[in-house]
Amino acid sequence: MRKWLFISPHFDDVVLSVGGMVWELTQRGDVVEVWTLCAGDPPFDKPLTEYAQMLHAFWELEDDVPYRRSLEDAACNRVLGVSGYRRNTVPDNIYRYFPGTDEAVVKVPEDNQGPFEPDEMYLVPQAADFLRKNIPPGWEVVIPLAVGHHRDHVLTRKAAEKLGIPLWHFIDFPYVVTNEFNQDDFIPKDAETFKLAVSQQGLQAWMDGFACQKSQIVFLFTDEEEMRKAITKYHAAGHGATLWKF
């Protein structure tokens, strides 16, 4: 039996990228936990940007959005058989402001994938400290490759790399299909690989798990039917079933 800790930038990233693999791991008797790094509350002393307000309207979660998303995440993890899940207090980048200013980090959608600014680097040791203090010894730690360069995915990877241990990596979906991706740019040729076939039951759990993330379906897809078709197509292409360690 192995113990796996998947570090997710947001509540939906692990299930969307490797939900079938997570289910298969739990079914074979491995212990799996999923921790969400950017799950903190918006700052109490700053207004929501117009972009954040627009997202809230899409998500239809009313107030206390991170908490309500955490409830969706809990339902999702139950479907996947995850034994534990935890949320860190770093806010999603849509809620962040540059330190000491009234300038929002993300004002328009394109800013989500902007370069990780030097003024945001203070978040890296903060997130790394959370991981260092809480990850039990002997666990396999899995993080996103940060395909697509989303700020929070980059933050997650940078923080985990501060641990100084070998890390497993998964490819970020949907960014791998919406951005130009060259595997050699992200994965060393000598990286260790771990493959686990995702069965039809695993595919069903993958889709059912993401269906629990109701607020994100209409944001990322037209509707649940399109979501299921997209994950099925991704699975058929052999994706979501491999991790790389380096």
Protein backbone atom coordinates (compact mmCIF):
# COMPACT_ATOMS: atom_id res chain seq x y z
CA MET A 1 0.00 0.00 0.00
CA ARG A 2 1.31 3.43 -0.96
CA LYS A 3 0.26 6.81 0.39
CA TRP A 4 -0.30 9.61 -2.08
CA LEU A 5 -0.75 13.31 -1.48
CA PHE A 6 -2.04 15.29 -4.48
CA ILE A 7 -1.53 19.04 -4.17
CA SER A 8 -4.24 20.90 -6.10
CA PRO A 9 -3.97 24.62 -6.92
CA HIS A 10 -7.77 24.95 -6.85
CA PHE A 11 -10.57 22.71 -5.69
CA ASP A 12 -11.19 21.23 -9.15
CA ASP A 13 -7.70 20.76 -10.61
CA VAL A 14 -6.82 17.27 -9.37
CA VAL A 15 -10.18 15.72 -10.25
CA LEU A 16 -10.23 17.37 -13.66
CA SER A 17 -6.67 16.34 -14.54
CA VAL A 18 -6.29 12.91 -12.92
CA GLY A 19 -9.60 12.04 -11.26
CA GLY A 20 -9.71 8.59 -12.83
CA MET A 21 -6.21 7.76 -11.63
CA VAL A 22 -7.07 8.91 -8.10
CA TRP A 23 -10.09 6.58 -8.08
CA GLU A 24 -8.00 3.66 -9.37
CA LEU A 25 -5.39 4.25 -6.66
CA THR A 26 -8.03 4.15 -3.92
CA GLN A 27 -9.62 1.04 -5.41
CA ARG A 28 -6.37 -0.89 -5.26
CA GLY A 29 -6.01 -0.04 -1.57
CA ASP A 30 -3.67 2.95 -1.67
CA VAL A 31 -4.35 5.91 0.61
CA VAL A 32 -4.95 9.19 -1.21
CA GLU A 33 -5.38 12.71 0.14
CA VAL A 34 -6.01 15.88 -1.88
CA TRP A 35 -4.99 19.25 -0.47
CA THR A 36 -6.05 22.50 -2.13
CA LEU A 37 -3.45 25.23 -1.89
CA CYS A 38 -5.27 28.37 -3.11
CA ALA A 39 -8.46 28.03 -1.12
CA GLY A 40 -8.35 31.02 1.21
CA ASP A 41 -10.97 33.71 1.69
CA PRO A 42 -10.90 37.05 -0.18
CA PRO A 43 -9.27 39.91 1.78
CA PHE A 44 -11.78 41.53 4.11
CA ASP A 45 -10.40 45.02 3.43
CA LYS A 46 -10.44 44.92 -0.39
CA PRO A 47 -13.38 44.88 -2.81
CA LEU A 48 -13.99 42.09 -5.27
CA THR A 49 -12.81 43.07 -8.73
CA GLU A 50 -15.32 43.16 -11.56
CA TYR A 51 -13.74 39.98 -12.89
CA ALA A 52 -14.15 38.17 -9.54
CA GLN A 53 -17.74 39.37 -9.35
CA MET A 54 -18.35 38.01 -12.84
CA LEU A 55 -16.96 34.62 -11.83
CA HIS A 56 -19.14 34.54 -8.73
CA ALA A 57 -22.16 35.21 -10.93
CA PHE A 58 -21.17 32.30 -13.20
CA TRP A 59 -20.63 30.00 -10.25
CA GLU A 60 -23.96 30.89 -8.60
CA LEU A 61 -22.59 30.30 -5.09
CA GLU A 62 -23.79 33.55 -3.50
CA ASP A 63 -21.61 34.50 -0.53
CA ASP A 64 -18.75 32.68 1.26
CA VAL A 65 -17.60 31.27 -2.08
CA PRO A 66 -14.41 29.44 -0.98
CA TYR A 67 -16.37 27.62 1.73
CA ARG A 68 -19.14 26.66 -0.70
CA ARG A 69 -16.56 25.44 -3.19
CA SER A 70 -14.98 23.38 -0.42
CA LEU A 71 -18.33 21.62 0.06
CA GLU A 72 -18.39 20.75 -3.64
CA ASP A 73 -14.84 19.49 -3.25
CA ALA A 74 -15.76 17.31 -0.29
CA ALA A 75 -18.53 15.66 -2.33
CA CYS A 76 -16.12 15.18 -5.22
CA ASN A 77 -13.49 13.53 -3.04
CA ARG A 78 -16.05 11.15 -1.58
CA VAL A 79 -16.84 9.96 -5.11
CA LEU A 80 -13.13 9.39 -5.78
CA GLY A 81 -12.62 7.53 -2.51
CA VAL A 82 -10.18 10.10 -1.16
CA SER A 83 -9.54 9.55 2.54
CA GLY A 84 -8.57 13.12 3.45
CA TYR A 85 -8.68 16.62 2.06
CA ARG A 86 -7.49 19.95 3.38
CA ARG A 87 -7.64 23.59 2.28
CA ASN A 88 -4.84 26.11 2.71
CA THR A 89 -5.43 29.82 3.33
CA VAL A 90 -3.69 31.38 0.30
CA PRO A 91 -6.47 33.14 -1.65
CA ASP A 92 -7.20 32.28 -5.26
CA ASN A 93 -5.37 34.72 -7.53
CA ILE A 94 -8.68 36.37 -8.48
CA TYR A 95 -8.86 37.71 -4.91
CA ARG A 96 -5.26 38.83 -4.49
CA TYR A 97 -3.79 42.32 -4.55
CA PHE A 98 -0.15 43.27 -4.85
CA PRO A 99 1.22 43.91 -1.35
CA GLY A 100 0.74 47.44 -0.06
CA THR A 101 -1.33 48.53 -3.05
CA ASP A 102 -4.88 48.67 -4.32
CA GLU A 103 -3.84 47.00 -7.57
CA ALA A 104 -5.50 43.65 -8.19
CA VAL A 105 -3.29 40.84 -9.47
CA VAL A 106 -6.01 39.62 -11.86
CA LYS A 107 -8.20 42.17 -13.60
CA VAL A 108 -9.06 40.31 -16.81
CA PRO A 109 -9.01 36.57 -17.70
CA GLU A 110 -5.62 36.80 -19.42
CA ASP A 111 -4.03 37.88 -16.14
CA ASN A 112 -4.62 34.41 -14.70
CA GLN A 113 -1.84 33.14 -16.93
CA GLY A 114 0.44 36.12 -16.65
CA PRO A 115 4.03 35.77 -15.43
CA PHE A 116 4.45 35.12 -11.72
CA GLU A 117 5.37 38.59 -10.49
CA PRO A 118 8.31 39.28 -8.14
CA ASP A 119 5.84 41.02 -5.81
CA GLU A 120 3.99 37.69 -5.46
CA MET A 121 7.04 35.69 -4.44
CA TYR A 122 6.21 36.18 -0.75
CA LEU A 123 3.51 33.56 -1.25
CA VAL A 124 6.00 30.82 -2.14
CA PRO A 125 7.65 30.41 1.31
CA GLN A 126 4.25 30.84 2.96
CA ALA A 127 2.75 27.97 0.94
CA ALA A 128 5.92 25.88 1.26
CA ASP A 129 5.81 26.27 5.03
CA PHE A 130 2.25 24.92 5.09
CA LEU A 131 3.35 21.88 3.11
CA ARG A 132 6.56 21.31 5.06
CA LYS A 133 4.80 21.39 8.41
CA ASN A 134 1.92 19.14 7.43
CA ILE A 135 3.06 16.51 4.92
CA PRO A 136 3.61 13.22 6.77
CA PRO A 137 6.90 11.43 6.13
CA GLY A 138 6.90 8.67 3.55
CA TRP A 139 4.10 10.00 1.36
CA GLU A 140 4.34 10.31 -2.42
CA VAL A 141 3.73 13.98 -3.24
CA VAL A 142 2.07 14.83 -6.55
CA ILE A 143 1.90 18.34 -8.04
CA PRO A 144 0.87 19.93 -11.36
CA LEU A 145 3.42 20.57 -14.08
CA ALA A 146 1.90 24.05 -14.43
CA VAL A 147 1.13 23.62 -18.10
CA GLY A 148 -0.53 26.85 -19.21
CA HIS A 149 1.38 28.86 -16.59
CA HIS A 150 -1.66 29.72 -14.50
CA ARG A 151 -0.37 31.80 -11.59
CA ASP A 152 -1.77 29.47 -8.93
CA HIS A 153 -0.42 26.37 -10.66
CA VAL A 154 3.00 28.01 -10.86
CA LEU A 155 2.74 28.96 -7.19
CA THR A 156 1.85 25.37 -6.27
CA ARG A 157 4.81 23.97 -8.15
CA LYS A 158 7.27 26.56 -6.80
CA ALA A 159 6.11 25.96 -3.22
CA ALA A 160 6.37 22.18 -3.49
CA GLU A 161 9.83 22.41 -5.04
CA LYS A 162 10.97 24.26 -1.90
CA LEU A 163 10.53 20.98 -0.01
CA GLY A 164 13.69 19.63 -1.64
CA ILE A 165 12.24 16.18 -2.30
CA PRO A 166 11.53 14.28 -5.54
CA LEU A 167 8.01 15.07 -6.69
CA TRP A 168 5.52 13.36 -8.96
CA HIS A 169 3.88 15.60 -11.59
CA PHE A 170 0.63 15.45 -13.52
CA ILE A 171 -0.31 17.30 -16.71
CA ASP A 172 -2.81 20.11 -16.16
CA PHE A 173 -6.11 19.63 -17.96
CA PRO A 174 -7.63 21.60 -19.72
CA TYR A 175 -4.55 23.77 -20.26
CA VAL A 176 -2.74 20.96 -22.08
CA VAL A 177 -5.40 21.06 -24.80
CA THR A 178 -5.94 24.83 -24.87
CA ASN A 179 -2.25 25.80 -24.91
CA GLU A 180 0.68 24.74 -27.05
CA PHE A 181 2.39 21.91 -25.17
CA ASN A 182 5.79 20.36 -25.79
CA GLN A 183 6.40 17.61 -23.26
CA ASP A 184 10.17 18.03 -23.48
CA ASP A 185 9.81 21.58 -22.16
CA PHE A 186 8.25 20.30 -18.94
CA ILE A 187 9.44 16.74 -18.33
CA PRO A 188 13.09 15.63 -18.23
CA LYS A 189 13.84 12.69 -20.52
CA ASP A 190 15.17 10.66 -17.58
CA ALA A 191 12.11 11.25 -15.37
CA GLU A 192 10.69 8.21 -13.62
CA THR A 193 7.18 7.34 -14.81
CA PHE A 194 4.20 5.81 -13.05
CA LYS A 195 1.32 4.59 -15.20
CA LEU A 196 -2.03 3.31 -14.04
CA ALA A 197 -4.72 2.38 -16.54
CA VAL A 198 -8.07 4.04 -15.95
CA SER A 199 -10.93 1.57 -16.39
CA GLN A 200 -14.44 2.39 -17.55
CA GLN A 201 -15.46 2.44 -13.87
CA GLY A 202 -12.59 4.83 -13.20
CA LEU A 203 -13.70 7.03 -16.08
CA GLN A 204 -17.22 7.08 -14.67
CA ALA A 205 -15.92 8.08 -11.22
CA TRP A 206 -13.72 10.75 -12.87
CA MET A 207 -16.72 12.33 -14.56
CA ASP A 208 -19.05 11.88 -11.58
CA GLY A 209 -16.42 13.43 -9.32
CA PHE A 210 -16.09 16.52 -11.44
CA ALA A 211 -19.89 16.72 -11.71
CA CYS A 212 -19.84 17.49 -7.97
CA GLN A 213 -17.87 20.65 -8.79
CA LYS A 214 -21.13 22.12 -10.06
CA SER A 215 -20.00 25.75 -9.96
CA GLN A 216 -17.15 25.02 -12.38
CA ILE A 217 -19.03 23.10 -15.05
CA VAL A 218 -20.64 26.10 -16.77
CA PHE A 219 -17.41 28.07 -16.41
CA LEU A 220 -15.18 25.48 -18.12
CA PHE A 221 -17.76 23.74 -20.30
CA THR A 222 -21.14 24.51 -21.82
CA ASP A 223 -22.91 22.01 -19.59
CA GLU A 224 -22.41 18.65 -17.86
CA GLU A 225 -22.87 16.71 -21.08
CA GLU A 226 -20.01 18.60 -22.74
CA MET A 227 -17.86 18.06 -19.64
CA ARG A 228 -18.39 14.31 -19.82
CA LYS A 229 -17.58 14.25 -23.53
CA ALA A 230 -14.39 16.26 -22.96
CA ILE A 231 -13.13 13.98 -20.18
CA THR A 232 -14.05 10.88 -22.20
CA LYS A 233 -12.09 12.21 -25.19
CA TYR A 234 -9.13 13.06 -22.94
CA HIS A 235 -9.22 9.56 -21.44
CA ALA A 236 -9.49 7.91 -24.88
CA ALA A 237 -6.32 9.73 -25.94
CA GLY A 238 -4.48 8.06 -23.05
CA HIS A 239 -4.21 11.14 -20.85
CA GLY A 240 -4.69 11.39 -17.10
CA ALA A 241 -3.03 8.03 -16.45
CA THR A 242 0.66 8.94 -16.08
CA LEU A 243 2.76 10.69 -13.45
CA TRP A 244 6.39 11.76 -13.82
CA LYS A 245 8.88 11.95 -10.95
CA PHE A 246 11.82 14.33 -10.95
